[in-house]
Amino acid sequence: MAIRNIVKLGDPTLRKKSFEVTDFGEKTKQLLNDMKETLIKADGAGLAAPQVGILRRIFIVNTEEGYFECINPQILSQSGKQVGKEGCLSVPNKWGNVARPMNVTLKAFDRNGKPYTLKAEGFLARAICHEYDHLEGIIYVDKATDIEED
């Protein structure tokens, strides 16, 4: 495993739409391992492949609800509303309020290409939506209000 460099706001990779993963081989598994190690070192709640310069539809989240690897995710449904403060490893030292759904149902694949469905609520739903946006080239500051700097 290796710590990857997290690209920062201004890097064009963050504004591009990611490509579907078609190969669930060792390269994908290594990327997931590296992303997990990078996320732990950065003390974040989630990390998307574009944040480490890879335009693939992969993100990970690590919250109190558990650690999830999401490959080729699709948000099947969303409901409710929550507004809360968000930050991003690619936008250091800034925070802003973002409206997100309270509940989401996500369909994705694990590292072995096995499909699964995840029902998430609260902070986990927020983290999933935040990371999913990265796969679409959207950064939380595009949706945030009341942006503050540390």
C-alpha atoms as a PDB file:
ATOM      1  CA  MET A   1       0.000   0.000   0.000  1.00  0.00           C
ATOM      2  CA  ALA A   2       1.038   3.576  -0.579  1.00  0.00           C
ATOM      3  CA  ILE A   3      -0.082   7.041   0.389  1.00  0.00           C
ATOM      4  CA  ARG A   4      -1.350   8.869  -2.695  1.00  0.00           C
ATOM      5  CA  ASN A   5      -1.140  12.601  -3.288  1.00  0.00           C
ATOM      6  CA  ILE A   6      -4.524  14.294  -2.818  1.00  0.00           C
ATOM      7  CA  VAL A   7      -5.125  16.802  -5.613  1.00  0.00           C
ATOM      8  CA  LYS A   8      -6.390  20.216  -4.600  1.00  0.00           C
ATOM      9  CA  LEU A   9      -9.051  22.566  -5.895  1.00  0.00           C
ATOM     10  CA  GLY A  10      -7.810  24.017  -9.190  1.00  0.00           C
ATOM     11  CA  ASP A  11      -6.548  20.671 -10.508  1.00  0.00           C
ATOM     12  CA  PRO A  12      -8.569  19.993 -13.708  1.00  0.00           C
ATOM     13  CA  THR A  13      -9.037  16.316 -12.757  1.00  0.00           C
ATOM     14  CA  LEU A  14     -11.512  17.352 -10.066  1.00  0.00           C
ATOM     15  CA  ARG A  15     -13.822  18.915 -12.663  1.00  0.00           C
ATOM     16  CA  LYS A  16     -14.027  15.928 -15.019  1.00  0.00           C
ATOM     17  CA  LYS A  17     -16.583  13.133 -15.042  1.00  0.00           C
ATOM     18  CA  SER A  18     -15.079   9.764 -14.090  1.00  0.00           C
ATOM     19  CA  PHE A  19     -15.125   6.630 -16.235  1.00  0.00           C
ATOM     20  CA  GLU A  20     -16.786   3.360 -15.342  1.00  0.00           C
ATOM     21  CA  VAL A  21     -14.580   0.600 -13.924  1.00  0.00           C
ATOM     22  CA  THR A  22     -14.542  -2.475 -16.168  1.00  0.00           C
ATOM     23  CA  ASP A  23     -11.567  -4.338 -14.677  1.00  0.00           C
ATOM     24  CA  PHE A  24     -11.828  -5.558 -11.087  1.00  0.00           C
ATOM     25  CA  GLY A  25      -8.270  -6.912 -11.114  1.00  0.00           C
ATOM     26  CA  GLU A  26      -5.195  -6.217  -9.039  1.00  0.00           C
ATOM     27  CA  LYS A  27      -4.801  -2.626 -10.255  1.00  0.00           C
ATOM     28  CA  THR A  28      -8.256  -1.728  -8.905  1.00  0.00           C
ATOM     29  CA  LYS A  29      -7.607  -3.545  -5.633  1.00  0.00           C
ATOM     30  CA  GLN A  30      -4.281  -1.732  -5.240  1.00  0.00           C
ATOM     31  CA  LEU A  31      -5.983   1.609  -5.860  1.00  0.00           C
ATOM     32  CA  LEU A  32      -8.579   0.815  -3.180  1.00  0.00           C
ATOM     33  CA  ASN A  33      -5.842  -0.192  -0.725  1.00  0.00           C
ATOM     34  CA  ASP A  34      -3.890   2.986  -1.438  1.00  0.00           C
ATOM     35  CA  MET A  35      -7.021   5.129  -1.120  1.00  0.00           C
ATOM     36  CA  LYS A  36      -7.831   3.588   2.260  1.00  0.00           C
ATOM     37  CA  GLU A  37      -4.320   4.224   3.553  1.00  0.00           C
ATOM     38  CA  THR A  38      -4.436   7.787   2.177  1.00  0.00           C
ATOM     39  CA  LEU A  39      -7.828   8.429   3.783  1.00  0.00           C
ATOM     40  CA  ILE A  40      -6.669   7.153   7.162  1.00  0.00           C
ATOM     41  CA  LYS A  41      -3.519   9.294   7.057  1.00  0.00           C
ATOM     42  CA  ALA A  42      -5.552  12.371   6.050  1.00  0.00           C
ATOM     43  CA  ASP A  43      -8.133  11.658   8.796  1.00  0.00           C
ATOM     44  CA  GLY A  44     -11.067  12.081   6.422  1.00  0.00           C
ATOM     45  CA  ALA A  45     -14.507  10.515   6.095  1.00  0.00           C
ATOM     46  CA  GLY A  46     -14.319   9.775   2.382  1.00  0.00           C
ATOM     47  CA  LEU A  47     -12.117   9.834  -0.681  1.00  0.00           C
ATOM     48  CA  ALA A  48     -12.936   9.532  -4.379  1.00  0.00           C
ATOM     49  CA  ALA A  49     -10.526   8.300  -7.060  1.00  0.00           C
ATOM     50  CA  PRO A  50     -10.471  11.698  -8.839  1.00  0.00           C
ATOM     51  CA  GLN A  51      -9.063  13.170  -5.619  1.00  0.00           C
ATOM     52  CA  VAL A  52      -5.957  11.050  -6.137  1.00  0.00           C
ATOM     53  CA  GLY A  53      -5.823  11.896  -9.843  1.00  0.00           C
ATOM     54  CA  ILE A  54      -7.597   8.774 -11.163  1.00  0.00           C
ATOM     55  CA  LEU A  55     -10.717   9.327 -13.281  1.00  0.00           C
ATOM     56  CA  ARG A  56     -12.506   6.125 -12.309  1.00  0.00           C
ATOM     57  CA  ARG A  57     -15.919   5.715 -10.660  1.00  0.00           C
ATOM     58  CA  ILE A  58     -14.582   4.625  -7.277  1.00  0.00           C
ATOM     59  CA  PHE A  59     -14.958   6.120  -3.827  1.00  0.00           C
ATOM     60  CA  ILE A  60     -14.569   4.979  -0.262  1.00  0.00           C
ATOM     61  CA  VAL A  61     -16.218   6.196   2.917  1.00  0.00           C
ATOM     62  CA  ASN A  62     -15.214   5.488   6.490  1.00  0.00           C
ATOM     63  CA  THR A  63     -17.756   6.575   9.092  1.00  0.00           C
ATOM     64  CA  GLU A  64     -19.116   5.242  12.377  1.00  0.00           C
ATOM     65  CA  GLU A  65     -21.443   3.065  10.274  1.00  0.00           C
ATOM     66  CA  GLY A  66     -18.444   1.292   8.749  1.00  0.00           C
ATOM     67  CA  TYR A  67     -15.968   1.265   5.890  1.00  0.00           C
ATOM     68  CA  PHE A  68     -17.452   1.008   2.386  1.00  0.00           C
ATOM     69  CA  GLU A  69     -15.799   0.613  -1.006  1.00  0.00           C
ATOM     70  CA  CYS A  70     -18.074   1.784  -3.817  1.00  0.00           C
ATOM     71  CA  ILE A  71     -17.241   0.999  -7.434  1.00  0.00           C
ATOM     72  CA  ASN A  72     -19.503   2.220 -10.271  1.00  0.00           C
ATOM     73  CA  PRO A  73     -22.020   3.537  -7.727  1.00  0.00           C
ATOM     74  CA  GLN A  74     -25.545   4.571  -8.635  1.00  0.00           C
ATOM     75  CA  ILE A  75     -27.854   6.468  -6.325  1.00  0.00           C
ATOM     76  CA  LEU A  76     -31.165   4.643  -6.719  1.00  0.00           C
ATOM     77  CA  SER A  77     -33.254   6.827  -4.434  1.00  0.00           C
ATOM     78  CA  GLN A  78     -33.006   9.711  -2.026  1.00  0.00           C
ATOM     79  CA  SER A  79     -35.392  11.292   0.443  1.00  0.00           C
ATOM     80  CA  GLY A  80     -35.557  13.846   3.183  1.00  0.00           C
ATOM     81  CA  LYS A  81     -33.239  16.767   3.673  1.00  0.00           C
ATOM     82  CA  GLN A  82     -30.365  17.697   5.930  1.00  0.00           C
ATOM     83  CA  VAL A  83     -28.183  20.769   5.936  1.00  0.00           C
ATOM     84  CA  GLY A  84     -24.776  20.537   7.536  1.00  0.00           C
ATOM     85  CA  LYS A  85     -21.213  21.710   7.483  1.00  0.00           C
ATOM     86  CA  GLU A  86     -18.892  19.958   5.021  1.00  0.00           C
ATOM     87  CA  GLY A  87     -15.229  20.091   4.247  1.00  0.00           C
ATOM     88  CA  CYS A  88     -13.103  18.273   1.706  1.00  0.00           C
ATOM     89  CA  LEU A  89      -9.585  16.874   1.583  1.00  0.00           C
ATOM     90  CA  SER A  90      -9.190  18.582  -1.809  1.00  0.00           C
ATOM     91  CA  VAL A  91     -10.270  21.952  -0.373  1.00  0.00           C
ATOM     92  CA  PRO A  92      -8.251  22.192   2.846  1.00  0.00           C
ATOM     93  CA  ASN A  93      -9.157  24.552   5.667  1.00  0.00           C
ATOM     94  CA  LYS A  94     -12.563  25.541   4.270  1.00  0.00           C
ATOM     95  CA  TRP A  95     -16.037  24.570   5.429  1.00  0.00           C
ATOM     96  CA  GLY A  96     -19.510  25.335   4.162  1.00  0.00           C
ATOM     97  CA  ASN A  97     -23.137  24.381   4.711  1.00  0.00           C
ATOM     98  CA  VAL A  98     -24.510  21.980   2.108  1.00  0.00           C
ATOM     99  CA  ALA A  99     -28.042  20.619   1.669  1.00  0.00           C
ATOM    100  CA  ARG A 100     -28.075  16.860   1.116  1.00  0.00           C
ATOM    101  CA  PRO A 101     -30.704  14.110   1.272  1.00  0.00           C
ATOM    102  CA  MET A 102     -31.220  12.526   4.694  1.00  0.00           C
ATOM    103  CA  ASN A 103     -31.577   9.047   3.162  1.00  0.00           C
ATOM    104  CA  VAL A 104     -30.036   7.450   0.081  1.00  0.00           C
ATOM    105  CA  THR A 105     -30.086   3.995  -1.424  1.00  0.00           C
ATOM    106  CA  LEU A 106     -26.909   3.204  -3.309  1.00  0.00           C
ATOM    107  CA  LYS A 107     -26.140   0.350  -5.673  1.00  0.00           C
ATOM    108  CA  ALA A 108     -22.439  -0.356  -6.218  1.00  0.00           C
ATOM    109  CA  PHE A 109     -19.872  -3.107  -6.692  1.00  0.00           C
ATOM    110  CA  ASP A 110     -17.273  -4.261  -4.193  1.00  0.00           C
ATOM    111  CA  ARG A 111     -13.593  -4.833  -5.014  1.00  0.00           C
ATOM    112  CA  ASN A 112     -14.383  -8.305  -6.386  1.00  0.00           C
ATOM    113  CA  GLY A 113     -17.084  -7.103  -8.776  1.00  0.00           C
ATOM    114  CA  LYS A 114     -19.940  -8.302  -6.576  1.00  0.00           C
ATOM    115  CA  PRO A 115     -22.970  -5.972  -6.628  1.00  0.00           C
ATOM    116  CA  TYR A 116     -24.541  -4.763  -3.399  1.00  0.00           C
ATOM    117  CA  THR A 117     -27.129  -2.252  -2.221  1.00  0.00           C
ATOM    118  CA  LEU A 118     -26.590   0.086   0.714  1.00  0.00           C
ATOM    119  CA  LYS A 119     -29.264   2.084   2.516  1.00  0.00           C
ATOM    120  CA  ALA A 120     -27.697   5.054   4.254  1.00  0.00           C
ATOM    121  CA  GLU A 121     -29.007   7.841   6.432  1.00  0.00           C
ATOM    122  CA  GLY A 122     -27.637  10.878   8.194  1.00  0.00           C
ATOM    123  CA  PHE A 123     -23.906  11.425   8.021  1.00  0.00           C
ATOM    124  CA  LEU A 124     -23.283   8.288   5.929  1.00  0.00           C
ATOM    125  CA  ALA A 125     -25.802   9.517   3.327  1.00  0.00           C
ATOM    126  CA  ARG A 126     -24.051  12.911   3.342  1.00  0.00           C
ATOM    127  CA  ALA A 127     -20.624  11.308   2.855  1.00  0.00           C
ATOM    128  CA  ILE A 128     -21.887   9.111   0.010  1.00  0.00           C
ATOM    129  CA  CYS A 129     -23.444  12.080  -1.803  1.00  0.00           C
ATOM    130  CA  HIS A 130     -20.300  14.188  -1.306  1.00  0.00           C
ATOM    131  CA  GLU A 131     -18.059  11.464  -2.763  1.00  0.00           C
ATOM    132  CA  TYR A 132     -20.525  10.641  -5.542  1.00  0.00           C
ATOM    133  CA  ASP A 133     -20.402  14.293  -6.601  1.00  0.00           C
ATOM    134  CA  HIS A 134     -16.624  13.965  -7.064  1.00  0.00           C
ATOM    135  CA  LEU A 135     -17.272  11.269  -9.688  1.00  0.00           C
ATOM    136  CA  GLU A 136     -19.420  13.791 -11.575  1.00  0.00           C
ATOM    137  CA  GLY A 137     -16.821  16.577 -11.389  1.00  0.00           C
ATOM    138  CA  ILE A 138     -18.739  18.450  -8.690  1.00  0.00           C
ATOM    139  CA  ILE A 139     -17.042  19.827  -5.583  1.00  0.00           C
ATOM    140  CA  TYR A 140     -18.943  20.676  -2.414  1.00  0.00           C
ATOM    141  CA  VAL A 141     -18.045  24.382  -2.713  1.00  0.00           C
ATOM    142  CA  ASP A 142     -20.285  24.446  -5.818  1.00  0.00           C
ATOM    143  CA  LYS A 143     -23.265  23.776  -3.516  1.00  0.00           C
ATOM    144  CA  ALA A 144     -22.112  25.310  -0.241  1.00  0.00           C
ATOM    145  CA  THR A 145     -23.281  28.450   1.486  1.00  0.00           C
ATOM    146  CA  ASP A 146     -21.592  30.325   4.308  1.00  0.00           C
ATOM    147  CA  ILE A 147     -18.072  29.144   3.401  1.00  0.00           C
ATOM    148  CA  GLU A 148     -15.626  29.686   6.264  1.00  0.00           C
ATOM    149  CA  GLU A 149     -11.865  29.312   6.457  1.00  0.00           C
ATOM    150  CA  ASP A 150      -9.926  27.871   9.384  1.00  0.00           C
END
